[in-house]
Amino acid sequence: MTNEYFMNWEIKPFAELTVDELYDVLRLRAEVFVVEQQCPYQDLDNSDQKALHLMGRNAEGQLLAYTRLFAPGIKYAEASIGRVVTSQLGRGTGIGRQLMEQSIATVESVYGKGAIKIGAQQYLQRFYTSLGFEQTSDTYMEDGIPHIEMVRP
């Protein structure tokens, strides 16, 4: 075993999420995006129903990492990964990289090999570049936070 944090990964469409799983997802997204980043925004955007939900839990069952994954043509022409979030508890353990690697592998497995597009917070550009993403837009503001579009060809 490497020094990476052990995670249990699960992927589900919206209709298969349990009430408890949905609560955990919404709680983690609010904890990080709204409270920690002090960014009041409309998280419930009617897109969850169109996504696959990738959830990473530690051995105790706590949700520490999450993304939602979209088929090509839903958010962008390309397949996409969004709402990338890791809890404070898991930061610095490699979970963020595991989350993105799992997300990329799932997108490629489910939707086929092809470009993957993300709208990334600008301060994470180096992290996403290390995963093969390339910046494709100028900086833009989204919910008061600088973002860039990036594509993994």
N, C-alpha and C. Protein backbone atom coordinates (compact mmCIF):
# COMPACT_ATOMS: atom_id res chain seq x y z
N MET A 1 0.85 -1.19 0.00
CA MET A 1 0.00 0.00 0.00
C MET A 1 0.89 1.24 0.00
N THR A 2 0.53 2.21 -0.83
CA THR A 2 1.27 3.47 -0.87
C THR A 2 0.88 4.32 0.33
N ASN A 3 1.45 5.50 0.39
CA ASN A 3 1.09 6.39 1.49
C ASN A 3 -0.21 7.13 1.23
N GLU A 4 -0.91 6.80 0.14
CA GLU A 4 -2.19 7.43 -0.14
C GLU A 4 -3.23 6.94 0.85
N TYR A 5 -4.16 7.80 1.13
CA TYR A 5 -5.27 7.53 2.03
C TYR A 5 -6.20 6.51 1.37
N PHE A 6 -6.61 5.48 2.09
CA PHE A 6 -7.51 4.47 1.52
C PHE A 6 -8.92 5.02 1.42
N MET A 7 -9.52 4.85 0.26
CA MET A 7 -10.87 5.33 0.03
C MET A 7 -11.72 4.24 -0.62
N ASN A 8 -12.99 4.23 -0.26
CA ASN A 8 -13.99 3.39 -0.94
C ASN A 8 -14.72 4.29 -1.91
N TRP A 9 -14.69 3.93 -3.20
CA TRP A 9 -15.30 4.75 -4.25
C TRP A 9 -16.59 4.11 -4.73
N GLU A 10 -17.60 4.93 -4.95
CA GLU A 10 -18.88 4.44 -5.45
C GLU A 10 -19.43 5.46 -6.45
N ILE A 11 -20.04 4.96 -7.52
CA ILE A 11 -20.61 5.80 -8.56
C ILE A 11 -22.09 5.44 -8.70
N LYS A 12 -22.93 6.48 -8.69
CA LYS A 12 -24.37 6.24 -8.83
C LYS A 12 -25.02 7.35 -9.64
N PRO A 13 -26.03 7.00 -10.43
CA PRO A 13 -26.87 8.04 -11.01
C PRO A 13 -27.74 8.64 -9.91
N PHE A 14 -28.26 9.82 -10.15
CA PHE A 14 -29.04 10.54 -9.14
C PHE A 14 -30.18 9.69 -8.58
N ALA A 15 -30.92 9.03 -9.45
CA ALA A 15 -32.10 8.27 -9.02
C ALA A 15 -31.77 7.13 -8.06
N GLU A 16 -30.50 6.71 -8.04
CA GLU A 16 -30.11 5.61 -7.16
C GLU A 16 -29.46 6.07 -5.86
N LEU A 17 -29.27 7.38 -5.70
CA LEU A 17 -28.71 7.87 -4.44
C LEU A 17 -29.73 7.65 -3.32
N THR A 18 -29.26 7.19 -2.18
CA THR A 18 -30.15 7.10 -1.03
C THR A 18 -30.32 8.50 -0.45
N VAL A 19 -31.31 8.67 0.39
CA VAL A 19 -31.52 9.96 1.05
C VAL A 19 -30.27 10.33 1.85
N ASP A 20 -29.68 9.37 2.55
CA ASP A 20 -28.48 9.65 3.34
C ASP A 20 -27.30 10.05 2.45
N GLU A 21 -27.14 9.37 1.31
CA GLU A 21 -26.05 9.74 0.39
C GLU A 21 -26.25 11.15 -0.15
N LEU A 22 -27.47 11.47 -0.56
CA LEU A 22 -27.75 12.81 -1.07
C LEU A 22 -27.48 13.85 0.01
N TYR A 23 -27.89 13.58 1.23
CA TYR A 23 -27.63 14.50 2.33
C TYR A 23 -26.12 14.70 2.51
N ASP A 24 -25.35 13.62 2.51
CA ASP A 24 -23.90 13.72 2.67
C ASP A 24 -23.27 14.56 1.56
N VAL A 25 -23.72 14.36 0.32
CA VAL A 25 -23.19 15.11 -0.82
C VAL A 25 -23.50 16.59 -0.66
N LEU A 26 -24.77 16.91 -0.39
CA LEU A 26 -25.15 18.32 -0.27
C LEU A 26 -24.48 18.98 0.93
N ARG A 27 -24.30 18.23 2.00
CA ARG A 27 -23.62 18.77 3.18
C ARG A 27 -22.16 19.09 2.87
N LEU A 28 -21.45 18.17 2.20
CA LEU A 28 -20.05 18.41 1.86
C LEU A 28 -19.92 19.59 0.90
N ARG A 29 -20.77 19.66 -0.09
CA ARG A 29 -20.70 20.78 -1.04
C ARG A 29 -20.96 22.10 -0.32
N ALA A 30 -21.95 22.15 0.57
CA ALA A 30 -22.23 23.39 1.30
C ALA A 30 -21.08 23.73 2.26
N GLU A 31 -20.53 22.71 2.93
CA GLU A 31 -19.44 22.90 3.88
C GLU A 31 -18.24 23.58 3.22
N VAL A 32 -17.89 23.13 2.01
CA VAL A 32 -16.70 23.65 1.34
C VAL A 32 -17.02 24.87 0.50
N PHE A 33 -17.99 24.76 -0.41
CA PHE A 33 -18.23 25.84 -1.36
C PHE A 33 -18.91 27.06 -0.73
N VAL A 34 -19.87 26.84 0.16
CA VAL A 34 -20.62 27.96 0.72
C VAL A 34 -19.96 28.50 1.98
N VAL A 35 -19.67 27.62 2.95
CA VAL A 35 -19.15 28.07 4.24
C VAL A 35 -17.66 28.37 4.17
N GLU A 36 -16.85 27.38 3.81
CA GLU A 36 -15.40 27.55 3.80
C GLU A 36 -14.95 28.62 2.80
N GLN A 37 -15.49 28.56 1.58
CA GLN A 37 -15.08 29.52 0.55
C GLN A 37 -15.90 30.80 0.58
N GLN A 38 -16.83 30.89 1.54
CA GLN A 38 -17.67 32.07 1.73
C GLN A 38 -18.30 32.52 0.41
N CYS A 39 -18.93 31.57 -0.25
CA CYS A 39 -19.48 31.84 -1.57
C CYS A 39 -20.94 31.40 -1.62
N PRO A 40 -21.85 32.29 -1.26
CA PRO A 40 -23.27 31.92 -1.38
C PRO A 40 -23.64 31.83 -2.86
N TYR A 41 -24.02 30.65 -3.29
CA TYR A 41 -24.38 30.44 -4.68
C TYR A 41 -25.48 29.39 -4.74
N GLN A 42 -26.13 29.30 -5.89
CA GLN A 42 -27.22 28.34 -6.07
C GLN A 42 -26.64 26.98 -6.44
N ASP A 43 -26.35 26.17 -5.42
CA ASP A 43 -25.76 24.85 -5.65
C ASP A 43 -26.74 23.93 -6.36
N LEU A 44 -27.98 23.96 -5.97
CA LEU A 44 -28.99 23.09 -6.56
C LEU A 44 -29.44 23.71 -7.88
N ASP A 45 -28.81 23.25 -8.97
CA ASP A 45 -28.94 23.88 -10.28
C ASP A 45 -29.68 23.01 -11.31
N ASN A 46 -30.40 22.02 -10.84
CA ASN A 46 -31.14 21.10 -11.72
C ASN A 46 -30.23 20.28 -12.62
N SER A 47 -28.96 20.16 -12.27
CA SER A 47 -28.03 19.34 -13.05
C SER A 47 -27.70 18.02 -12.34
N ASP A 48 -27.93 17.95 -11.04
CA ASP A 48 -27.62 16.71 -10.32
C ASP A 48 -28.35 15.52 -10.93
N GLN A 49 -29.57 15.75 -11.40
CA GLN A 49 -30.38 14.67 -11.96
C GLN A 49 -29.78 14.12 -13.26
N LYS A 50 -28.91 14.89 -13.93
CA LYS A 50 -28.32 14.49 -15.20
C LYS A 50 -26.93 13.89 -15.03
N ALA A 51 -26.43 13.85 -13.81
CA ALA A 51 -25.04 13.47 -13.55
C ALA A 51 -24.91 12.08 -12.95
N LEU A 52 -23.71 11.54 -13.11
CA LEU A 52 -23.28 10.42 -12.28
C LEU A 52 -22.56 11.04 -11.09
N HIS A 53 -22.72 10.44 -9.92
CA HIS A 53 -22.16 10.99 -8.69
C HIS A 53 -21.08 10.04 -8.17
N LEU A 54 -19.86 10.54 -8.13
CA LEU A 54 -18.72 9.77 -7.64
C LEU A 54 -18.45 10.19 -6.20
N MET A 55 -18.55 9.22 -5.29
CA MET A 55 -18.39 9.50 -3.87
C MET A 55 -17.23 8.68 -3.32
N GLY A 56 -16.37 9.34 -2.57
CA GLY A 56 -15.25 8.67 -1.92
C GLY A 56 -15.40 8.75 -0.41
N ARG A 57 -15.46 7.58 0.21
CA ARG A 57 -15.61 7.52 1.67
C ARG A 57 -14.39 6.86 2.29
N ASN A 58 -14.05 7.31 3.49
CA ASN A 58 -12.95 6.67 4.22
C ASN A 58 -13.47 5.39 4.87
N ALA A 59 -12.59 4.69 5.57
CA ALA A 59 -12.95 3.40 6.18
C ALA A 59 -14.09 3.53 7.20
N GLU A 60 -14.25 4.72 7.76
CA GLU A 60 -15.32 4.96 8.74
C GLU A 60 -16.64 5.34 8.06
N GLY A 61 -16.62 5.45 6.74
CA GLY A 61 -17.84 5.76 6.02
C GLY A 61 -18.11 7.24 5.81
N GLN A 62 -17.18 8.11 6.20
CA GLN A 62 -17.37 9.54 6.02
C GLN A 62 -17.11 9.92 4.57
N LEU A 63 -17.98 10.74 4.00
CA LEU A 63 -17.79 11.23 2.64
C LEU A 63 -16.70 12.31 2.68
N LEU A 64 -15.57 12.03 2.03
CA LEU A 64 -14.44 12.95 2.02
C LEU A 64 -14.19 13.56 0.65
N ALA A 65 -14.73 12.95 -0.41
CA ALA A 65 -14.45 13.42 -1.76
C ALA A 65 -15.64 13.14 -2.66
N TYR A 66 -15.85 14.04 -3.62
CA TYR A 66 -17.05 13.93 -4.46
C TYR A 66 -16.84 14.69 -5.76
N THR A 67 -17.40 14.17 -6.84
CA THR A 67 -17.56 14.90 -8.09
C THR A 67 -18.86 14.46 -8.74
N ARG A 68 -19.32 15.30 -9.66
CA ARG A 68 -20.41 14.87 -10.53
C ARG A 68 -19.87 14.85 -11.95
N LEU A 69 -20.30 13.84 -12.68
CA LEU A 69 -19.76 13.54 -14.00
C LEU A 69 -20.88 13.63 -15.03
N PHE A 70 -20.57 14.28 -16.16
CA PHE A 70 -21.59 14.50 -17.18
C PHE A 70 -21.17 13.93 -18.52
N ALA A 71 -22.13 13.38 -19.22
CA ALA A 71 -21.93 12.90 -20.59
C ALA A 71 -21.68 14.10 -21.50
N PRO A 72 -21.05 13.86 -22.65
CA PRO A 72 -20.91 14.95 -23.63
C PRO A 72 -22.28 15.53 -23.97
N GLY A 73 -22.31 16.86 -24.16
CA GLY A 73 -23.54 17.51 -24.57
C GLY A 73 -24.43 17.99 -23.45
N ILE A 74 -24.08 17.72 -22.20
CA ILE A 74 -24.93 18.18 -21.10
C ILE A 74 -24.45 19.54 -20.58
N LYS A 75 -23.24 19.61 -20.09
CA LYS A 75 -22.67 20.88 -19.62
C LYS A 75 -21.89 21.57 -20.73
N TYR A 76 -21.13 20.78 -21.46
CA TYR A 76 -20.30 21.25 -22.56
C TYR A 76 -20.46 20.24 -23.70
N ALA A 77 -19.89 20.56 -24.85
CA ALA A 77 -19.88 19.60 -25.96
C ALA A 77 -19.13 18.34 -25.54
N GLU A 78 -18.08 18.53 -24.73
CA GLU A 78 -17.28 17.41 -24.23
C GLU A 78 -17.91 16.83 -22.96
N ALA A 79 -17.48 15.64 -22.58
CA ALA A 79 -17.82 15.11 -21.25
C ALA A 79 -17.22 16.08 -20.23
N SER A 80 -17.76 16.08 -19.02
CA SER A 80 -17.23 17.03 -18.04
C SER A 80 -17.31 16.49 -16.62
N ILE A 81 -16.49 17.11 -15.79
CA ILE A 81 -16.40 16.80 -14.37
C ILE A 81 -16.66 18.11 -13.63
N GLY A 82 -17.52 18.06 -12.62
CA GLY A 82 -17.83 19.27 -11.87
C GLY A 82 -18.04 19.01 -10.40
N ARG A 83 -18.23 20.10 -9.68
CA ARG A 83 -18.43 20.07 -8.22
C ARG A 83 -17.34 19.22 -7.55
N VAL A 84 -16.11 19.42 -7.99
CA VAL A 84 -14.97 18.68 -7.43
C VAL A 84 -14.73 19.20 -6.02
N VAL A 85 -14.85 18.31 -5.03
CA VAL A 85 -14.74 18.78 -3.65
C VAL A 85 -14.12 17.69 -2.76
N THR A 86 -13.23 18.14 -1.90
CA THR A 86 -12.69 17.26 -0.85
C THR A 86 -12.88 17.95 0.48
N SER A 87 -13.17 17.18 1.50
CA SER A 87 -13.38 17.75 2.82
C SER A 87 -12.03 18.15 3.42
N GLN A 88 -12.07 19.07 4.36
CA GLN A 88 -10.84 19.50 5.03
C GLN A 88 -10.13 18.31 5.65
N LEU A 89 -10.88 17.37 6.16
CA LEU A 89 -10.31 16.18 6.81
C LEU A 89 -9.40 15.40 5.87
N GLY A 90 -9.71 15.41 4.58
CA GLY A 90 -8.94 14.62 3.64
C GLY A 90 -7.84 15.36 2.90
N ARG A 91 -7.75 16.65 3.08
CA ARG A 91 -6.76 17.42 2.30
C ARG A 91 -5.34 17.11 2.74
N GLY A 92 -4.45 17.11 1.76
CA GLY A 92 -3.05 16.82 2.03
C GLY A 92 -2.75 15.33 2.12
N THR A 93 -3.72 14.50 1.79
CA THR A 93 -3.55 13.05 1.89
C THR A 93 -3.49 12.37 0.53
N GLY A 94 -3.65 13.13 -0.54
CA GLY A 94 -3.69 12.55 -1.87
C GLY A 94 -5.10 12.24 -2.36
N ILE A 95 -6.10 12.52 -1.54
CA ILE A 95 -7.48 12.21 -1.93
C ILE A 95 -7.92 13.01 -3.14
N GLY A 96 -7.52 14.27 -3.24
CA GLY A 96 -7.91 15.09 -4.37
C GLY A 96 -7.43 14.50 -5.68
N ARG A 97 -6.19 14.03 -5.70
CA ARG A 97 -5.64 13.40 -6.90
C ARG A 97 -6.38 12.09 -7.18
N GLN A 98 -6.60 11.28 -6.14
CA GLN A 98 -7.36 10.04 -6.32
C GLN A 98 -8.75 10.33 -6.89
N LEU A 99 -9.40 11.37 -6.36
CA LEU A 99 -10.74 11.74 -6.80
C LEU A 99 -10.73 12.07 -8.29
N MET A 100 -9.78 12.88 -8.73
CA MET A 100 -9.73 13.25 -10.14
C MET A 100 -9.34 12.05 -11.02
N GLU A 101 -8.42 11.22 -10.56
CA GLU A 101 -8.05 10.04 -11.34
C GLU A 101 -9.25 9.11 -11.48
N GLN A 102 -10.00 8.91 -10.39
CA GLN A 102 -11.22 8.08 -10.45
C GLN A 102 -12.26 8.71 -11.38
N SER A 103 -12.39 10.03 -11.31
CA SER A 103 -13.36 10.74 -12.14
C SER A 103 -13.02 10.59 -13.62
N ILE A 104 -11.76 10.81 -13.97
CA ILE A 104 -11.31 10.68 -15.36
C ILE A 104 -11.54 9.25 -15.85
N ALA A 105 -11.14 8.27 -15.04
CA ALA A 105 -11.29 6.86 -15.42
C ALA A 105 -12.77 6.51 -15.62
N THR A 106 -13.63 7.03 -14.76
CA THR A 106 -15.06 6.74 -14.87
C THR A 106 -15.65 7.38 -16.12
N VAL A 107 -15.31 8.64 -16.38
CA VAL A 107 -15.80 9.32 -17.59
C VAL A 107 -15.38 8.52 -18.81
N GLU A 108 -14.12 8.10 -18.87
CA GLU A 108 -13.64 7.35 -20.04
C GLU A 108 -14.30 5.98 -20.15
N SER A 109 -14.56 5.35 -19.02
CA SER A 109 -15.19 4.04 -19.02
C SER A 109 -16.66 4.12 -19.45
N VAL A 110 -17.37 5.11 -18.94
CA VAL A 110 -18.81 5.22 -19.19
C VAL A 110 -19.11 5.90 -20.52
N TYR A 111 -18.39 6.99 -20.82
CA TYR A 111 -18.72 7.81 -22.00
C TYR A 111 -17.73 7.64 -23.14
N GLY A 112 -16.69 6.85 -22.94
CA GLY A 112 -15.69 6.63 -23.97
C GLY A 112 -14.54 7.61 -23.87
N LYS A 113 -13.43 7.23 -24.49
CA LYS A 113 -12.26 8.12 -24.52
C LYS A 113 -12.60 9.34 -25.33
N GLY A 114 -12.15 10.47 -24.85
CA GLY A 114 -12.41 11.73 -25.55
C GLY A 114 -12.07 12.88 -24.63
N ALA A 115 -12.24 14.07 -25.15
CA ALA A 115 -11.92 15.25 -24.36
C ALA A 115 -12.84 15.36 -23.14
N ILE A 116 -12.27 15.87 -22.05
CA ILE A 116 -13.02 16.14 -20.82
C ILE A 116 -12.80 17.60 -20.48
N LYS A 117 -13.89 18.32 -20.23
CA LYS A 117 -13.80 19.75 -19.94
C LYS A 117 -14.21 20.03 -18.50
N ILE A 118 -13.53 20.99 -17.89
CA ILE A 118 -13.88 21.41 -16.54
C ILE A 118 -13.86 22.94 -16.48
N GLY A 119 -14.62 23.48 -15.55
CA GLY A 119 -14.54 24.88 -15.17
C GLY A 119 -13.83 24.89 -13.83
N ALA A 120 -12.55 25.24 -13.82
CA ALA A 120 -11.72 25.09 -12.62
C ALA A 120 -11.51 26.41 -11.90
N GLN A 121 -11.47 26.35 -10.59
CA GLN A 121 -11.05 27.53 -9.85
C GLN A 121 -9.60 27.80 -10.24
N GLN A 122 -9.30 29.04 -10.57
CA GLN A 122 -8.01 29.38 -11.15
C GLN A 122 -6.83 28.96 -10.27
N TYR A 123 -6.97 29.06 -8.96
CA TYR A 123 -5.85 28.73 -8.09
C TYR A 123 -5.46 27.24 -8.16
N LEU A 124 -6.32 26.41 -8.75
CA LEU A 124 -6.03 24.98 -8.89
C LEU A 124 -5.47 24.62 -10.27
N GLN A 125 -5.09 25.61 -11.04
CA GLN A 125 -4.62 25.37 -12.41
C GLN A 125 -3.45 24.38 -12.44
N ARG A 126 -2.45 24.55 -11.59
CA ARG A 126 -1.29 23.65 -11.61
C ARG A 126 -1.70 22.21 -11.29
N PHE A 127 -2.60 22.04 -10.33
CA PHE A 127 -3.09 20.71 -9.98
C PHE A 127 -3.73 20.04 -11.19
N TYR A 128 -4.65 20.74 -11.85
CA TYR A 128 -5.33 20.15 -13.01
C TYR A 128 -4.38 19.95 -14.18
N THR A 129 -3.42 20.85 -14.36
CA THR A 129 -2.41 20.67 -15.41
C THR A 129 -1.63 19.38 -15.19
N SER A 130 -1.35 19.07 -13.92
CA SER A 130 -0.61 17.84 -13.60
C SER A 130 -1.41 16.59 -13.95
N LEU A 131 -2.70 16.74 -14.16
CA LEU A 131 -3.58 15.62 -14.53
C LEU A 131 -3.86 15.60 -16.03
N GLY A 132 -3.18 16.47 -16.79
CA GLY A 132 -3.33 16.47 -18.23
C GLY A 132 -4.29 17.50 -18.80
N PHE A 133 -4.85 18.36 -17.96
CA PHE A 133 -5.76 19.40 -18.44
C PHE A 133 -4.95 20.60 -18.92
N GLU A 134 -5.50 21.28 -19.94
CA GLU A 134 -4.87 22.48 -20.50
C GLU A 134 -5.87 23.63 -20.45
N GLN A 135 -5.39 24.81 -20.07
CA GLN A 135 -6.26 25.98 -20.01
C GLN A 135 -6.73 26.35 -21.40
N THR A 136 -8.05 26.61 -21.55
CA THR A 136 -8.62 26.93 -22.86
C THR A 136 -9.40 28.24 -22.85
N SER A 137 -9.39 28.95 -21.74
CA SER A 137 -10.13 30.22 -21.69
C SER A 137 -9.35 31.24 -20.88
N ASP A 138 -9.76 32.48 -21.02
CA ASP A 138 -9.26 33.52 -20.13
C ASP A 138 -9.93 33.32 -18.78
N THR A 139 -9.43 34.00 -17.79
CA THR A 139 -10.04 33.96 -16.46
C THR A 139 -11.42 34.62 -16.52
N TYR A 140 -12.38 34.01 -15.85
CA TYR A 140 -13.71 34.60 -15.73
C TYR A 140 -14.17 34.43 -14.29
N MET A 141 -15.08 35.27 -13.87
CA MET A 141 -15.60 35.20 -12.51
C MET A 141 -16.88 34.35 -12.50
N GLU A 142 -16.91 33.42 -11.57
CA GLU A 142 -18.11 32.62 -11.35
C GLU A 142 -18.37 32.62 -9.87
N ASP A 143 -19.51 33.15 -9.47
CA ASP A 143 -19.88 33.23 -8.06
C ASP A 143 -18.79 33.92 -7.24
N GLY A 144 -18.17 34.94 -7.82
CA GLY A 144 -17.18 35.73 -7.10
C GLY A 144 -15.80 35.10 -7.00
N ILE A 145 -15.58 33.98 -7.69
CA ILE A 145 -14.30 33.27 -7.63
C ILE A 145 -13.73 33.18 -9.04
N PRO A 146 -12.43 33.54 -9.23
CA PRO A 146 -11.83 33.42 -10.56
C PRO A 146 -11.77 31.96 -11.01
N HIS A 147 -12.23 31.71 -12.23
CA HIS A 147 -12.25 30.38 -12.83
C HIS A 147 -11.60 30.43 -14.21
N ILE A 148 -11.23 29.25 -14.70
CA ILE A 148 -10.75 29.08 -16.07
C ILE A 148 -11.36 27.78 -16.60
N GLU A 149 -11.58 27.74 -17.90
CA GLU A 149 -11.99 26.48 -18.51
C GLU A 149 -10.73 25.72 -18.88
N MET A 150 -10.78 24.42 -18.69
CA MET A 150 -9.64 23.55 -19.01
C MET A 150 -10.17 22.30 -19.70
N VAL A 151 -9.38 21.76 -20.61
CA VAL A 151 -9.75 20.55 -21.33
C VAL A 151 -8.60 19.55 -21.24
N ARG A 152 -8.97 18.30 -21.02
CA ARG A 152 -8.02 17.19 -21.09
C ARG A 152 -8.30 16.51 -22.42
N PRO A 153 -7.38 16.68 -23.40
CA PRO A 153 -7.66 16.15 -24.74
C PRO A 153 -7.72 14.63 -24.78
